[in-house]
Amino acid sequence: MAVVPSGRLSLDEADIRILGALQKDGTLSVAALSEVVHLSHNSCWRRLKRLEAAGAVKGRVALLDPEKLGLELTAYVSIRTSEHNDEWLRSFAHAVETMPEIVELYRMTGDVDYLMKIRVANIAAYDAVYKKLIGMVKLTDVSSAFAMEEMKNTTELPLSTSPCRTG
């Protein structure tokens, strides 16, 4: 594994097998992982430690089923603001950090400044999050869309041996 000038990691086939296996099952022991990826225990352990140290493996988590936990509504919220200063950004970041219902947030290009994903039980719970957010930070426009059907949802990233994918 090498770091190319862009800061990305250049991965070989064995690294990709390790990362792919961990994406499917983060609970694998090093012994089980080494069997799955066809490497010796020591080689697998060393590679895994290098991948972790390089930041390619950020952590291992349990993936929970939101619907079984009563979080059946997914809302995508587009936010526009007329504020673009450090104080506003700190206030906005703090507001978002205090709301566990906001599970993803991105600063965007184009007409929308921010896009967030919210997971809640129902419309009433969404409305409570909305009211809390607008009470904590000044927003110019908030537009929401609600998912009717989840057609694909994965945490697995596409992996390649090249440092930059195209096409």
C-alpha atoms as a PDB file:
ATOM      1  CA  MET A   1       0.000   0.000   0.000  1.00  0.00           C
ATOM      2  CA  ALA A   2       1.368   3.375  -1.012  1.00  0.00           C
ATOM      3  CA  VAL A   3       0.094   6.929  -0.789  1.00  0.00           C
ATOM      4  CA  VAL A   4      -0.114   8.626  -4.187  1.00  0.00           C
ATOM      5  CA  PRO A   5       0.451  12.420  -4.572  1.00  0.00           C
ATOM      6  CA  SER A   6      -3.283  13.187  -4.176  1.00  0.00           C
ATOM      7  CA  GLY A   7      -3.157  11.649  -0.689  1.00  0.00           C
ATOM      8  CA  ARG A   8      -5.213   8.640  -1.743  1.00  0.00           C
ATOM      9  CA  LEU A   9      -4.038   5.149  -0.954  1.00  0.00           C
ATOM     10  CA  SER A  10      -2.858   2.877  -3.718  1.00  0.00           C
ATOM     11  CA  LEU A  11      -4.198  -0.539  -2.778  1.00  0.00           C
ATOM     12  CA  ASP A  12      -3.171  -3.948  -4.043  1.00  0.00           C
ATOM     13  CA  GLU A  13      -5.482  -6.935  -4.484  1.00  0.00           C
ATOM     14  CA  ALA A  14      -4.847  -8.255  -0.959  1.00  0.00           C
ATOM     15  CA  ASP A  15      -5.710  -4.860   0.591  1.00  0.00           C
ATOM     16  CA  ILE A  16      -8.910  -4.768  -1.440  1.00  0.00           C
ATOM     17  CA  ARG A  17      -9.853  -8.289  -0.356  1.00  0.00           C
ATOM     18  CA  ILE A  18      -9.350  -7.266   3.289  1.00  0.00           C
ATOM     19  CA  LEU A  19     -11.389  -4.078   2.931  1.00  0.00           C
ATOM     20  CA  GLY A  20     -14.130  -5.863   0.986  1.00  0.00           C
ATOM     21  CA  ALA A  21     -14.423  -8.598   3.616  1.00  0.00           C
ATOM     22  CA  LEU A  22     -14.558  -6.049   6.439  1.00  0.00           C
ATOM     23  CA  GLN A  23     -17.281  -4.083   4.637  1.00  0.00           C
ATOM     24  CA  LYS A  24     -19.392  -7.223   4.557  1.00  0.00           C
ATOM     25  CA  ASP A  25     -18.650  -8.266   8.156  1.00  0.00           C
ATOM     26  CA  GLY A  26     -16.780  -5.927  10.491  1.00  0.00           C
ATOM     27  CA  THR A  27     -16.918  -8.495  13.292  1.00  0.00           C
ATOM     28  CA  LEU A  28     -14.429 -10.865  11.657  1.00  0.00           C
ATOM     29  CA  SER A  29     -11.486 -11.789  13.854  1.00  0.00           C
ATOM     30  CA  VAL A  30      -8.040 -11.542  12.264  1.00  0.00           C
ATOM     31  CA  ALA A  31      -7.965 -15.347  12.071  1.00  0.00           C
ATOM     32  CA  ALA A  32     -11.320 -15.482  10.256  1.00  0.00           C
ATOM     33  CA  LEU A  33     -10.379 -12.523   8.059  1.00  0.00           C
ATOM     34  CA  SER A  34      -7.099 -14.156   7.045  1.00  0.00           C
ATOM     35  CA  GLU A  35      -9.026 -17.273   5.964  1.00  0.00           C
ATOM     36  CA  VAL A  36     -11.540 -15.264   3.945  1.00  0.00           C
ATOM     37  CA  VAL A  37      -8.859 -13.255   2.115  1.00  0.00           C
ATOM     38  CA  HIS A  38      -6.410 -16.165   1.712  1.00  0.00           C
ATOM     39  CA  LEU A  39      -3.480 -14.643   3.598  1.00  0.00           C
ATOM     40  CA  SER A  40      -1.458 -15.877   6.541  1.00  0.00           C
ATOM     41  CA  HIS A  41      -2.600 -14.649   9.938  1.00  0.00           C
ATOM     42  CA  ASN A  42       0.517 -12.461  10.395  1.00  0.00           C
ATOM     43  CA  SER A  43       0.362 -10.953   6.906  1.00  0.00           C
ATOM     44  CA  CYS A  44      -3.333 -10.186   7.285  1.00  0.00           C
ATOM     45  CA  TRP A  45      -2.777  -8.629  10.719  1.00  0.00           C
ATOM     46  CA  ARG A  46       0.088  -6.418   9.436  1.00  0.00           C
ATOM     47  CA  ARG A  47      -1.928  -5.276   6.429  1.00  0.00           C
ATOM     48  CA  LEU A  48      -4.976  -4.553   8.580  1.00  0.00           C
ATOM     49  CA  LYS A  49      -2.884  -2.494  11.017  1.00  0.00           C
ATOM     50  CA  ARG A  50      -1.409  -0.506   8.077  1.00  0.00           C
ATOM     51  CA  LEU A  51      -4.884   0.104   6.634  1.00  0.00           C
ATOM     52  CA  GLU A  52      -6.139   1.282  10.026  1.00  0.00           C
ATOM     53  CA  ALA A  53      -3.085   3.521  10.600  1.00  0.00           C
ATOM     54  CA  ALA A  54      -3.523   5.050   7.137  1.00  0.00           C
ATOM     55  CA  GLY A  55      -7.173   5.832   7.931  1.00  0.00           C
ATOM     56  CA  ALA A  56      -8.662   3.495   5.313  1.00  0.00           C
ATOM     57  CA  VAL A  57     -10.499   1.662   8.116  1.00  0.00           C
ATOM     58  CA  LYS A  58     -12.151   4.348  10.246  1.00  0.00           C
ATOM     59  CA  GLY A  59     -13.865   1.952  12.642  1.00  0.00           C
ATOM     60  CA  ARG A  60     -16.079  -1.092  12.935  1.00  0.00           C
ATOM     61  CA  VAL A  61     -19.755  -0.649  13.717  1.00  0.00           C
ATOM     62  CA  ALA A  62     -23.021  -2.552  13.894  1.00  0.00           C
ATOM     63  CA  LEU A  63     -25.516  -1.619  11.181  1.00  0.00           C
ATOM     64  CA  LEU A  64     -28.961  -1.230  12.675  1.00  0.00           C
ATOM     65  CA  ASP A  65     -32.297  -1.646  10.896  1.00  0.00           C
ATOM     66  CA  PRO A  66     -34.055   1.739  11.234  1.00  0.00           C
ATOM     67  CA  GLU A  67     -37.530   0.352  10.559  1.00  0.00           C
ATOM     68  CA  LYS A  68     -37.217  -2.319  13.258  1.00  0.00           C
ATOM     69  CA  LEU A  69     -36.243   0.485  15.623  1.00  0.00           C
ATOM     70  CA  GLY A  70     -39.289   2.564  14.706  1.00  0.00           C
ATOM     71  CA  LEU A  71     -37.437   5.056  12.477  1.00  0.00           C
ATOM     72  CA  GLU A  72     -39.594   4.500   9.410  1.00  0.00           C
ATOM     73  CA  LEU A  73     -39.436   7.975   7.841  1.00  0.00           C
ATOM     74  CA  THR A  74     -36.447   9.167   5.821  1.00  0.00           C
ATOM     75  CA  ALA A  75     -36.411  12.866   4.960  1.00  0.00           C
ATOM     76  CA  TYR A  76     -33.971  14.608   2.655  1.00  0.00           C
ATOM     77  CA  VAL A  77     -33.791  18.271   3.532  1.00  0.00           C
ATOM     78  CA  SER A  78     -32.374  20.954   1.248  1.00  0.00           C
ATOM     79  CA  ILE A  79     -31.242  24.054   3.104  1.00  0.00           C
ATOM     80  CA  ARG A  80     -30.347  27.484   1.815  1.00  0.00           C
ATOM     81  CA  THR A  81     -28.934  30.262   3.938  1.00  0.00           C
ATOM     82  CA  SER A  82     -28.041  33.870   3.351  1.00  0.00           C
ATOM     83  CA  GLU A  83     -25.393  33.596   6.071  1.00  0.00           C
ATOM     84  CA  HIS A  84     -21.924  32.501   5.014  1.00  0.00           C
ATOM     85  CA  ASN A  85     -19.660  33.416   7.913  1.00  0.00           C
ATOM     86  CA  ASP A  86     -17.716  31.499  10.561  1.00  0.00           C
ATOM     87  CA  GLU A  87     -20.082  32.366  13.412  1.00  0.00           C
ATOM     88  CA  TRP A  88     -23.142  31.107  11.527  1.00  0.00           C
ATOM     89  CA  LEU A  89     -21.315  27.953  10.452  1.00  0.00           C
ATOM     90  CA  ARG A  90     -20.270  27.180  14.041  1.00  0.00           C
ATOM     91  CA  SER A  91     -23.858  27.719  15.198  1.00  0.00           C
ATOM     92  CA  PHE A  92     -25.225  25.496  12.422  1.00  0.00           C
ATOM     93  CA  ALA A  93     -22.658  22.751  13.096  1.00  0.00           C
ATOM     94  CA  HIS A  94     -23.505  22.853  16.814  1.00  0.00           C
ATOM     95  CA  ALA A  95     -27.244  22.619  16.099  1.00  0.00           C
ATOM     96  CA  VAL A  96     -26.748  19.633  13.809  1.00  0.00           C
ATOM     97  CA  GLU A  97     -24.458  17.872  16.308  1.00  0.00           C
ATOM     98  CA  THR A  98     -27.152  18.113  19.009  1.00  0.00           C
ATOM     99  CA  MET A  99     -29.741  16.332  16.845  1.00  0.00           C
ATOM    100  CA  PRO A 100     -29.128  12.584  16.446  1.00  0.00           C
ATOM    101  CA  GLU A 101     -32.019  12.404  13.973  1.00  0.00           C
ATOM    102  CA  ILE A 102     -29.787  14.151  11.417  1.00  0.00           C
ATOM    103  CA  VAL A 103     -27.733  11.193  10.231  1.00  0.00           C
ATOM    104  CA  GLU A 104     -25.978  12.806   7.246  1.00  0.00           C
ATOM    105  CA  LEU A 105     -25.129  16.389   6.275  1.00  0.00           C
ATOM    106  CA  TYR A 106     -23.312  17.703   3.213  1.00  0.00           C
ATOM    107  CA  ARG A 107     -22.277  21.191   2.092  1.00  0.00           C
ATOM    108  CA  MET A 108     -23.277  21.392  -1.546  1.00  0.00           C
ATOM    109  CA  THR A 109     -22.543  23.268  -4.736  1.00  0.00           C
ATOM    110  CA  GLY A 110     -25.328  24.816  -6.789  1.00  0.00           C
ATOM    111  CA  ASP A 111     -28.607  26.296  -5.577  1.00  0.00           C
ATOM    112  CA  VAL A 112     -28.704  24.354  -2.292  1.00  0.00           C
ATOM    113  CA  ASP A 113     -26.177  25.151   0.442  1.00  0.00           C
ATOM    114  CA  TYR A 114     -26.673  22.018   2.556  1.00  0.00           C
ATOM    115  CA  LEU A 115     -28.340  18.648   2.128  1.00  0.00           C
ATOM    116  CA  MET A 116     -29.224  16.552   5.145  1.00  0.00           C
ATOM    117  CA  LYS A 117     -30.706  13.144   5.715  1.00  0.00           C
ATOM    118  CA  ILE A 118     -32.987  12.706   8.702  1.00  0.00           C
ATOM    119  CA  ARG A 119     -34.304   9.423  10.154  1.00  0.00           C
ATOM    120  CA  VAL A 120     -37.378   9.663  12.383  1.00  0.00           C
ATOM    121  CA  ALA A 121     -40.501   7.699  13.278  1.00  0.00           C
ATOM    122  CA  ASN A 122     -43.077   9.814  11.464  1.00  0.00           C
ATOM    123  CA  ILE A 123     -44.071  13.258  10.170  1.00  0.00           C
ATOM    124  CA  ALA A 124     -44.713  14.567  13.688  1.00  0.00           C
ATOM    125  CA  ALA A 125     -41.190  13.583  14.725  1.00  0.00           C
ATOM    126  CA  TYR A 126     -39.810  15.245  11.574  1.00  0.00           C
ATOM    127  CA  ASP A 127     -41.742  18.413  12.398  1.00  0.00           C
ATOM    128  CA  ALA A 128     -40.202  18.451  15.887  1.00  0.00           C
ATOM    129  CA  VAL A 129     -36.704  18.230  14.374  1.00  0.00           C
ATOM    130  CA  TYR A 130     -37.562  20.947  11.863  1.00  0.00           C
ATOM    131  CA  LYS A 131     -38.851  23.288  14.583  1.00  0.00           C
ATOM    132  CA  LYS A 132     -35.801  22.650  16.762  1.00  0.00           C
ATOM    133  CA  LEU A 133     -33.438  23.344  13.852  1.00  0.00           C
ATOM    134  CA  ILE A 134     -35.086  26.608  12.770  1.00  0.00           C
ATOM    135  CA  GLY A 135     -35.187  27.672  16.415  1.00  0.00           C
ATOM    136  CA  MET A 136     -31.438  27.213  16.743  1.00  0.00           C
ATOM    137  CA  VAL A 137     -30.125  28.731  13.516  1.00  0.00           C
ATOM    138  CA  LYS A 138     -31.292  31.233  10.898  1.00  0.00           C
ATOM    139  CA  LEU A 139     -32.121  29.577   7.571  1.00  0.00           C
ATOM    140  CA  THR A 140     -33.326  31.233   4.357  1.00  0.00           C
ATOM    141  CA  ASP A 141     -35.138  28.234   2.858  1.00  0.00           C
ATOM    142  CA  VAL A 142     -35.843  24.682   3.965  1.00  0.00           C
ATOM    143  CA  SER A 143     -37.324  22.184   1.527  1.00  0.00           C
ATOM    144  CA  SER A 144     -38.009  18.564   2.431  1.00  0.00           C
ATOM    145  CA  ALA A 145     -38.654  15.432   0.425  1.00  0.00           C
ATOM    146  CA  PHE A 146     -39.743  12.167   2.013  1.00  0.00           C
ATOM    147  CA  ALA A 147     -38.578   8.773   0.756  1.00  0.00           C
ATOM    148  CA  MET A 148     -41.453   6.538  -0.264  1.00  0.00           C
ATOM    149  CA  GLU A 149     -39.379   3.422  -0.896  1.00  0.00           C
ATOM    150  CA  GLU A 150     -35.772   2.500  -0.211  1.00  0.00           C
ATOM    151  CA  MET A 151     -34.485   0.868  -3.363  1.00  0.00           C
ATOM    152  CA  LYS A 152     -30.789   0.650  -2.474  1.00  0.00           C
ATOM    153  CA  ASN A 153     -28.895   1.439   0.682  1.00  0.00           C
ATOM    154  CA  THR A 154     -25.369   0.228   1.264  1.00  0.00           C
ATOM    155  CA  THR A 155     -22.382   1.224   3.320  1.00  0.00           C
ATOM    156  CA  GLU A 156     -20.044  -0.738   1.035  1.00  0.00           C
ATOM    157  CA  LEU A 157     -17.740   1.458  -1.040  1.00  0.00           C
ATOM    158  CA  PRO A 158     -16.663   0.435  -4.547  1.00  0.00           C
ATOM    159  CA  LEU A 159     -13.066  -0.743  -4.320  1.00  0.00           C
ATOM    160  CA  SER A 160     -10.331  -0.725  -6.944  1.00  0.00           C
ATOM    161  CA  THR A 161      -6.583  -1.252  -7.046  1.00  0.00           C
ATOM    162  CA  SER A 162      -6.099   2.086  -8.811  1.00  0.00           C
ATOM    163  CA  PRO A 163      -5.929   5.230  -6.668  1.00  0.00           C
ATOM    164  CA  CYS A 164      -8.500   7.007  -8.833  1.00  0.00           C
ATOM    165  CA  ARG A 165     -11.553   5.454 -10.426  1.00  0.00           C
ATOM    166  CA  THR A 166     -12.964   6.738 -13.698  1.00  0.00           C
ATOM    167  CA  GLY A 167     -16.083   5.929 -15.694  1.00  0.00           C
END
